[in-house]
């Protein structure tokens, strides 16, 4: 059960990383387009910042902390001790 949870958490985090990277590259392209007076979705990106991208970044940070905590707990309590 614990391994399944970690597996799914890592899968969600990997997908979330790619989504956050996609949103960052979209921002870069949209800002470059805006500087050349080409509409590449900067206004849409701004509208999606609060409801979509901010929670995605928060989930990424929270998931990374949760993954670290699960690993530490496993290391402290469930790994075999070599005395």
PDB file of N, CA and C in Angstrom:
ATOM      1  N   UNK A   1       0.827  -1.198   0.000  1.00  0.00           N
ATOM      2  CA  UNK A   1       0.000   0.000   0.000  1.00  0.00           C
ATOM      3  C   UNK A   1       0.867   1.257   0.000  1.00  0.00           C
ATOM      4  N   UNK A   2       1.898   1.253   0.844  1.00  0.00           N
ATOM      5  CA  UNK A   2       2.791   2.407   0.949  1.00  0.00           C
ATOM      6  C   UNK A   2       3.537   2.627  -0.374  1.00  0.00           C
ATOM      7  N   UNK A   3       3.980   1.546  -0.991  1.00  0.00           N
ATOM      8  CA  UNK A   3       4.700   1.667  -2.251  1.00  0.00           C
ATOM      9  C   UNK A   3       3.790   2.196  -3.358  1.00  0.00           C
ATOM     10  N   UNK A   4       2.517   1.761  -3.346  1.00  0.00           N
ATOM     11  CA  UNK A   4       1.551   2.254  -4.334  1.00  0.00           C
ATOM     12  C   UNK A   4       1.339   3.757  -4.171  1.00  0.00           C
ATOM     13  N   UNK A   5       1.223   4.209  -2.927  1.00  0.00           N
ATOM     14  CA  UNK A   5       1.030   5.634  -2.662  1.00  0.00           C
ATOM     15  C   UNK A   5       2.211   6.444  -3.182  1.00  0.00           C
ATOM     16  N   UNK A   6       3.405   5.983  -2.906  1.00  0.00           N
ATOM     17  CA  UNK A   6       4.604   6.688  -3.358  1.00  0.00           C
ATOM     18  C   UNK A   6       4.685   6.678  -4.882  1.00  0.00           C
ATOM     19  N   UNK A   7       4.333   5.551  -5.488  1.00  0.00           N
ATOM     20  CA  UNK A   7       4.357   5.440  -6.949  1.00  0.00           C
ATOM     21  C   UNK A   7       3.395   6.442  -7.585  1.00  0.00           C
ATOM     22  N   UNK A   8       2.167   6.520  -7.066  1.00  0.00           N
ATOM     23  CA  UNK A   8       1.181   7.452  -7.620  1.00  0.00           C
ATOM     24  C   UNK A   8       1.561   8.900  -7.336  1.00  0.00           C
ATOM     25  N   UNK A   9       2.102   9.161  -6.166  1.00  0.00           N
ATOM     26  CA  UNK A   9       2.538  10.518  -5.839  1.00  0.00           C
ATOM     27  C   UNK A   9       3.626  10.971  -6.804  1.00  0.00           C
ATOM     28  N   UNK A  10       4.586  10.110  -7.066  1.00  0.00           N
ATOM     29  CA  UNK A  10       5.663  10.455  -7.994  1.00  0.00           C
ATOM     30  C   UNK A  10       5.139  10.655  -9.412  1.00  0.00           C
ATOM     31  N   UNK A  11       4.173   9.835  -9.823  1.00  0.00           N
ATOM     32  CA  UNK A  11       3.583   9.982 -11.150  1.00  0.00           C
ATOM     33  C   UNK A  11       2.875  11.331 -11.289  1.00  0.00           C
ATOM     34  N   UNK A  12       2.111  11.708 -10.274  1.00  0.00           N
ATOM     35  CA  UNK A  12       1.414  12.998 -10.298  1.00  0.00           C
ATOM     36  C   UNK A  12       2.422  14.145 -10.290  1.00  0.00           C
ATOM     37  N   UNK A  13       3.476  14.007  -9.510  1.00  0.00           N
ATOM     38  CA  UNK A  13       4.485  15.071  -9.454  1.00  0.00           C
ATOM     39  C   UNK A  13       5.212  15.237 -10.786  1.00  0.00           C
ATOM     40  N   UNK A  14       5.511  14.137 -11.457  1.00  0.00           N
ATOM     41  CA  UNK A  14       6.177  14.226 -12.763  1.00  0.00           C
ATOM     42  C   UNK A  14       5.268  14.923 -13.773  1.00  0.00           C
ATOM     43  N   UNK A  15       3.991  14.536 -13.797  1.00  0.00           N
ATOM     44  CA  UNK A  15       3.041  15.193 -14.701  1.00  0.00           C
ATOM     45  C   UNK A  15       2.922  16.678 -14.365  1.00  0.00           C
ATOM     46  N   UNK A  16       2.907  16.991 -13.091  1.00  0.00           N
ATOM     47  CA  UNK A  16       2.790  18.384 -12.654  1.00  0.00           C
ATOM     48  C   UNK A  16       4.031  19.192 -13.043  1.00  0.00           C
ATOM     49  N   UNK A  17       5.205  18.588 -12.953  1.00  0.00           N
ATOM     50  CA  UNK A  17       6.437  19.275 -13.357  1.00  0.00           C
ATOM     51  C   UNK A  17       6.354  19.662 -14.831  1.00  0.00           C
ATOM     52  N   UNK A  18       5.909  18.722 -15.666  1.00  0.00           N
ATOM     53  CA  UNK A  18       5.813  19.033 -17.089  1.00  0.00           C
ATOM     54  C   UNK A  18       4.766  20.107 -17.357  1.00  0.00           C
ATOM     55  N   UNK A  19       3.670  20.099 -16.608  1.00  0.00           N
ATOM     56  CA  UNK A  19       2.658  21.141 -16.764  1.00  0.00           C
ATOM     57  C   UNK A  19       3.211  22.507 -16.370  1.00  0.00           C
ATOM     58  N   UNK A  20       3.941  22.572 -15.272  1.00  0.00           N
ATOM     59  CA  UNK A  20       4.526  23.842 -14.820  1.00  0.00           C
ATOM     60  C   UNK A  20       5.577  24.323 -15.824  1.00  0.00           C
ATOM     61  N   UNK A  21       6.390  23.405 -16.344  1.00  0.00           N
ATOM     62  CA  UNK A  21       7.371  23.797 -17.359  1.00  0.00           C
ATOM     63  C   UNK A  21       6.685  24.308 -18.624  1.00  0.00           C
ATOM     64  N   UNK A  22       5.617  23.624 -19.038  1.00  0.00           N
ATOM     65  CA  UNK A  22       4.849  24.074 -20.199  1.00  0.00           C
ATOM     66  C   UNK A  22       4.315  25.490 -19.980  1.00  0.00           C
ATOM     67  N   UNK A  23       3.777  25.735 -18.797  1.00  0.00           N
ATOM     68  CA  UNK A  23       3.220  27.065 -18.524  1.00  0.00           C
ATOM     69  C   UNK A  23       4.317  28.129 -18.509  1.00  0.00           C
ATOM     70  N   UNK A  24       5.502  27.776 -18.028  1.00  0.00           N
ATOM     71  CA  UNK A  24       6.612  28.730 -18.031  1.00  0.00           C
ATOM     72  C   UNK A  24       7.050  29.055 -19.460  1.00  0.00           C
ATOM     73  N   UNK A  25       7.195  28.009 -20.290  1.00  0.00           N
ATOM     74  CA  UNK A  25       7.610  28.252 -21.673  1.00  0.00           C
ATOM     75  C   UNK A  25       6.542  29.022 -22.447  1.00  0.00           C
ATOM     76  N   UNK A  26       5.278  28.755 -22.131  1.00  0.00           N
ATOM     77  CA  UNK A  26       4.198  29.525 -22.746  1.00  0.00           C
ATOM     78  C   UNK A  26       4.340  31.003 -22.370  1.00  0.00           C
ATOM     79  N   UNK A  27       4.634  31.282 -21.106  1.00  0.00           N
ATOM     80  CA  UNK A  27       4.823  32.667 -20.671  1.00  0.00           C
ATOM     81  C   UNK A  27       5.969  33.326 -21.430  1.00  0.00           C
ATOM     82  N   UNK A  28       7.082  32.625 -21.565  1.00  0.00           N
ATOM     83  CA  UNK A  28       8.241  33.188 -22.264  1.00  0.00           C
ATOM     84  C   UNK A  28       7.884  33.509 -23.714  1.00  0.00           C
ATOM     85  N   UNK A  29       7.241  32.564 -24.398  1.00  0.00           N
ATOM     86  CA  UNK A  29       6.866  32.779 -25.796  1.00  0.00           C
ATOM     87  C   UNK A  29       5.852  33.915 -25.909  1.00  0.00           C
ATOM     88  N   UNK A  30       4.886  33.961 -24.996  1.00  0.00           N
ATOM     89  CA  UNK A  30       3.868  35.009 -25.042  1.00  0.00           C
ATOM     90  C   UNK A  30       4.469  36.389 -24.785  1.00  0.00           C
ATOM     91  N   UNK A  31       5.425  36.480 -23.877  1.00  0.00           N
ATOM     92  CA  UNK A  31       6.078  37.772 -23.612  1.00  0.00           C
ATOM     93  C   UNK A  31       6.908  38.202 -24.822  1.00  0.00           C
ATOM     94  N   UNK A  32       7.609  37.249 -25.431  1.00  0.00           N
ATOM     95  CA  UNK A  32       8.358  37.587 -26.647  1.00  0.00           C
ATOM     96  C   UNK A  32       7.414  38.043 -27.756  1.00  0.00           C
ATOM     97  N   UNK A  33       6.301  37.342 -27.914  1.00  0.00           N
ATOM     98  CA  UNK A  33       5.316  37.749 -28.910  1.00  0.00           C
ATOM     99  C   UNK A  33       4.744  39.122 -28.616  1.00  0.00           C
ATOM    100  N   UNK A  34       4.503  39.386 -27.352  1.00  0.00           N
ATOM    101  CA  UNK A  34       3.966  40.701 -26.955  1.00  0.00           C
ATOM    102  C   UNK A  34       4.964  41.815 -27.283  1.00  0.00           C
ATOM    103  N   UNK A  35       6.243  41.538 -27.117  1.00  0.00           N
ATOM    104  CA  UNK A  35       7.249  42.561 -27.423  1.00  0.00           C
ATOM    105  C   UNK A  35       7.325  42.849 -28.923  1.00  0.00           C
ATOM    106  N   UNK A  36       6.921  41.871 -29.761  1.00  0.00           N
ATOM    107  CA  UNK A  36       6.883  42.074 -31.212  1.00  0.00           C
ATOM    108  C   UNK A  36       5.474  42.399 -31.714  1.00  0.00           C
ATOM    109  N   UNK A  37       4.571  42.698 -30.783  1.00  0.00           N
ATOM    110  CA  UNK A  37       3.180  43.052 -31.106  1.00  0.00           C
ATOM    111  C   UNK A  37       2.433  41.903 -31.795  1.00  0.00           C
ATOM    112  N   UNK A  38       2.741  40.646 -31.368  1.00  0.00           N
ATOM    113  CA  UNK A  38       2.047  39.465 -31.871  1.00  0.00           C
ATOM    114  C   UNK A  38       1.310  38.843 -30.695  1.00  0.00           C
ATOM    115  N   UNK A  39       0.017  38.585 -30.882  1.00  0.00           N
ATOM    116  CA  UNK A  39      -0.782  38.014 -29.797  1.00  0.00           C
ATOM    117  C   UNK A  39      -0.538  36.505 -29.718  1.00  0.00           C
ATOM    118  N   UNK A  40       0.177  36.068 -28.693  1.00  0.00           N
ATOM    119  CA  UNK A  40       0.440  34.642 -28.485  1.00  0.00           C
ATOM    120  C   UNK A  40      -0.154  34.146 -27.169  1.00  0.00           C
ATOM    121  N   UNK A  41      -1.153  34.832 -26.672  1.00  0.00           N
ATOM    122  CA  UNK A  41      -1.881  34.349 -25.513  1.00  0.00           C
ATOM    123  C   UNK A  41      -1.425  34.874 -24.173  1.00  0.00           C
ATOM    124  N   UNK A  42      -0.787  36.011 -24.143  1.00  0.00           N
ATOM    125  CA  UNK A  42      -0.333  36.563 -22.862  1.00  0.00           C
ATOM    126  C   UNK A  42      -1.516  36.948 -21.981  1.00  0.00           C
ATOM    127  N   UNK A  43      -2.550  37.521 -22.582  1.00  0.00           N
ATOM    128  CA  UNK A  43      -3.740  37.886 -21.799  1.00  0.00           C
ATOM    129  C   UNK A  43      -4.409  36.653 -21.216  1.00  0.00           C
ATOM    130  N   UNK A  44      -4.489  35.581 -21.998  1.00  0.00           N
ATOM    131  CA  UNK A  44      -5.063  34.327 -21.497  1.00  0.00           C
ATOM    132  C   UNK A  44      -4.199  33.749 -20.385  1.00  0.00           C
ATOM    133  N   UNK A  45      -2.885  33.841 -20.553  1.00  0.00           N
ATOM    134  CA  UNK A  45      -1.981  33.330 -19.525  1.00  0.00           C
ATOM    135  C   UNK A  45      -2.208  34.069 -18.212  1.00  0.00           C
ATOM    136  N   UNK A  46      -2.347  35.400 -18.293  1.00  0.00           N
ATOM    137  CA  UNK A  46      -2.615  36.192 -17.091  1.00  0.00           C
ATOM    138  C   UNK A  46      -3.931  35.792 -16.438  1.00  0.00           C
ATOM    139  N   UNK A  47      -4.949  35.511 -17.245  1.00  0.00           N
ATOM    140  CA  UNK A  47      -6.240  35.095 -16.688  1.00  0.00           C
ATOM    141  C   UNK A  47      -6.153  33.732 -16.015  1.00  0.00           C
ATOM    142  N   UNK A  48      -5.280  32.862 -16.515  1.00  0.00           N
ATOM    143  CA  UNK A  48      -5.146  31.516 -15.951  1.00  0.00           C
ATOM    144  C   UNK A  48      -4.143  31.446 -14.803  1.00  0.00           C
ATOM    145  N   UNK A  49      -3.430  32.518 -14.525  1.00  0.00           N
ATOM    146  CA  UNK A  49      -2.402  32.492 -13.480  1.00  0.00           C
ATOM    147  C   UNK A  49      -2.979  32.101 -12.125  1.00  0.00           C
ATOM    148  N   UNK A  50      -3.979  32.816 -11.642  1.00  0.00           N
ATOM    149  CA  UNK A  50      -4.551  32.537 -10.312  1.00  0.00           C
ATOM    150  C   UNK A  50      -5.264  31.188 -10.235  1.00  0.00           C
ATOM    151  N   UNK A  51      -6.184  30.884 -11.148  1.00  0.00           N
ATOM    152  CA  UNK A  51      -6.952  29.651 -10.951  1.00  0.00           C
ATOM    153  C   UNK A  51      -6.229  28.373 -11.363  1.00  0.00           C
ATOM    154  N   UNK A  52      -5.190  28.457 -12.208  1.00  0.00           N
ATOM    155  CA  UNK A  52      -4.582  27.227 -12.730  1.00  0.00           C
ATOM    156  C   UNK A  52      -3.115  27.090 -12.343  1.00  0.00           C
ATOM    157  N   UNK A  53      -2.301  28.084 -12.687  1.00  0.00           N
ATOM    158  CA  UNK A  53      -0.859  27.927 -12.534  1.00  0.00           C
ATOM    159  C   UNK A  53      -0.390  28.047 -11.088  1.00  0.00           C
ATOM    160  N   UNK A  54      -0.978  28.944 -10.319  1.00  0.00           N
ATOM    161  CA  UNK A  54      -0.587  29.081  -8.917  1.00  0.00           C
ATOM    162  C   UNK A  54      -0.862  27.805  -8.123  1.00  0.00           C
ATOM    163  N   UNK A  55      -2.045  27.187  -8.241  1.00  0.00           N
ATOM    164  CA  UNK A  55      -2.253  25.915  -7.537  1.00  0.00           C
ATOM    165  C   UNK A  55      -1.327  24.800  -8.030  1.00  0.00           C
ATOM    166  N   UNK A  56      -1.007  24.796  -9.319  1.00  0.00           N
ATOM    167  CA  UNK A  56      -0.108  23.761  -9.841  1.00  0.00           C
ATOM    168  C   UNK A  56       1.276  23.881  -9.211  1.00  0.00           C
ATOM    169  N   UNK A  57       1.753  25.103  -9.044  1.00  0.00           N
ATOM    170  CA  UNK A  57       3.055  25.312  -8.402  1.00  0.00           C
ATOM    171  C   UNK A  57       2.974  24.925  -6.928  1.00  0.00           C
ATOM    172  N   UNK A  58       1.874  25.253  -6.271  1.00  0.00           N
ATOM    173  CA  UNK A  58       1.687  24.870  -4.867  1.00  0.00           C
ATOM    174  C   UNK A  58       1.628  23.365  -4.687  1.00  0.00           C
ATOM    175  N   UNK A  59       0.927  22.679  -5.582  1.00  0.00           N
ATOM    176  CA  UNK A  59       0.858  21.213  -5.522  1.00  0.00           C
ATOM    177  C   UNK A  59       2.241  20.623  -5.732  1.00  0.00           C
ATOM    178  N   UNK A  60       3.004  21.198  -6.643  1.00  0.00           N
ATOM    179  CA  UNK A  60       4.359  20.713  -6.893  1.00  0.00           C
ATOM    180  C   UNK A  60       5.234  20.851  -5.651  1.00  0.00           C
ATOM    181  N   UNK A  61       5.186  22.001  -5.005  1.00  0.00           N
ATOM    182  CA  UNK A  61       5.991  22.201  -3.792  1.00  0.00           C
ATOM    183  C   UNK A  61       5.504  21.310  -2.654  1.00  0.00           C
ATOM    184  N   UNK A  62       4.191  21.242  -2.460  1.00  0.00           N
ATOM    185  CA  UNK A  62       3.647  20.393  -1.401  1.00  0.00           C
ATOM    186  C   UNK A  62       3.943  18.924  -1.634  1.00  0.00           C
ATOM    187  N   UNK A  63       3.833  18.484  -2.876  1.00  0.00           N
ATOM    188  CA  UNK A  63       4.129  17.090  -3.196  1.00  0.00           C
ATOM    189  C   UNK A  63       5.594  16.750  -2.999  1.00  0.00           C
ATOM    190  N   UNK A  64       6.470  17.681  -3.329  1.00  0.00           N
ATOM    191  CA  UNK A  64       7.899  17.448  -3.113  1.00  0.00           C
ATOM    192  C   UNK A  64       8.207  17.330  -1.623  1.00  0.00           C
ATOM    193  N   UNK A  65       7.603  18.179  -0.816  1.00  0.00           N
ATOM    194  CA  UNK A  65       7.806  18.103   0.638  1.00  0.00           C
ATOM    195  C   UNK A  65       7.223  16.809   1.187  1.00  0.00           C
ATOM    196  N   UNK A  66       6.027  16.424   0.714  1.00  0.00           N
ATOM    197  CA  UNK A  66       5.406  15.176   1.161  1.00  0.00           C
ATOM    198  C   UNK A  66       6.241  13.968   0.766  1.00  0.00           C
ATOM    199  N   UNK A  67       6.764  13.970  -0.441  1.00  0.00           N
ATOM    200  CA  UNK A  67       7.615  12.870  -0.893  1.00  0.00           C
ATOM    201  C   UNK A  67       8.877  12.772  -0.036  1.00  0.00           C
ATOM    202  N   UNK A  68       9.474  13.920   0.284  1.00  0.00           N
ATOM    203  CA  UNK A  68      10.651  13.926   1.149  1.00  0.00           C
ATOM    204  C   UNK A  68      10.298  13.386   2.531  1.00  0.00           C
ATOM    205  N   UNK A  69       9.167  13.817   3.085  1.00  0.00           N
ATOM    206  CA  UNK A  69       8.765  13.385   4.431  1.00  0.00           C
ATOM    207  C   UNK A  69       8.501  11.886   4.467  1.00  0.00           C
ATOM    208  N   UNK A  70       7.843  11.360   3.450  1.00  0.00           N
ATOM    209  CA  UNK A  70       7.588   9.914   3.398  1.00  0.00           C
ATOM    210  C   UNK A  70       8.902   9.157   3.325  1.00  0.00           C
ATOM    211  N   UNK A  71       9.847   9.649   2.528  1.00  0.00           N
ATOM    212  CA  UNK A  71      11.157   9.005   2.440  1.00  0.00           C
ATOM    213  C   UNK A  71      11.900   9.034   3.763  1.00  0.00           C
ATOM    214  N   UNK A  72      11.849  10.163   4.469  1.00  0.00           N
ATOM    215  CA  UNK A  72      12.517  10.261   5.772  1.00  0.00           C
ATOM    216  C   UNK A  72      11.885   9.325   6.792  1.00  0.00           C
ATOM    217  N   UNK A  73      10.549   9.269   6.815  1.00  0.00           N
ATOM    218  CA  UNK A  73       9.858   8.378   7.751  1.00  0.00           C
ATOM    219  C   UNK A  73      10.218   6.931   7.456  1.00  0.00           C
ATOM    220  N   UNK A  74      10.250   6.563   6.187  1.00  0.00           N
ATOM    221  CA  UNK A  74      10.645   5.202   5.823  1.00  0.00           C
ATOM    222  C   UNK A  74      12.074   4.918   6.255  1.00  0.00           C
ATOM    223  N   UNK A  75      12.949   5.887   6.066  1.00  0.00           N
ATOM    224  CA  UNK A  75      14.347   5.702   6.434  1.00  0.00           C
ATOM    225  C   UNK A  75      14.508   5.554   7.945  1.00  0.00           C
ATOM    226  N   UNK A  76      13.779   6.339   8.715  1.00  0.00           N
ATOM    227  CA  UNK A  76      13.936   6.318  10.167  1.00  0.00           C
ATOM    228  C   UNK A  76      13.291   5.107  10.827  1.00  0.00           C
ATOM    229  N   UNK A  77      12.094   4.733  10.367  1.00  0.00           N
ATOM    230  CA  UNK A  77      11.331   3.725  11.090  1.00  0.00           C
ATOM    231  C   UNK A  77      11.270   2.365  10.413  1.00  0.00           C
ATOM    232  N   UNK A  78      11.426   2.304   9.108  1.00  0.00           N
ATOM    233  CA  UNK A  78      11.176   1.047   8.419  1.00  0.00           C
ATOM    234  C   UNK A  78      12.394   0.456   7.738  1.00  0.00           C
ATOM    235  N   UNK A  79      13.505   1.159   7.703  1.00  0.00           N
ATOM    236  CA  UNK A  79      14.696   0.585   7.086  1.00  0.00           C
ATOM    237  C   UNK A  79      15.408  -0.296   8.108  1.00  0.00           C
ATOM    238  N   UNK A  80      16.017  -1.385   7.634  1.00  0.00           N
ATOM    239  CA  UNK A  80      16.731  -2.264   8.576  1.00  0.00           C
ATOM    240  C   UNK A  80      17.949  -1.558   9.156  1.00  0.00           C
ATOM    241  N   UNK A  81      18.115  -1.712  10.432  1.00  0.00           N
ATOM    242  CA  UNK A  81      19.244  -1.096  11.127  1.00  0.00           C
ATOM    243  C   UNK A  81      20.447  -2.035  11.037  1.00  0.00           C
ATOM    244  N   UNK A  82      21.594  -1.477  10.699  1.00  0.00           N
ATOM    245  CA  UNK A  82      22.814  -2.283  10.623  1.00  0.00           C
ATOM    246  C   UNK A  82      23.722  -1.905  11.787  1.00  0.00           C
ATOM    247  N   UNK A  83      23.538  -2.583  12.909  1.00  0.00           N
ATOM    248  CA  UNK A  83      24.347  -2.307  14.107  1.00  0.00           C
ATOM    249  C   UNK A  83      25.456  -3.308  14.236  1.00  0.00           C
TER     250      UNK A  83
END
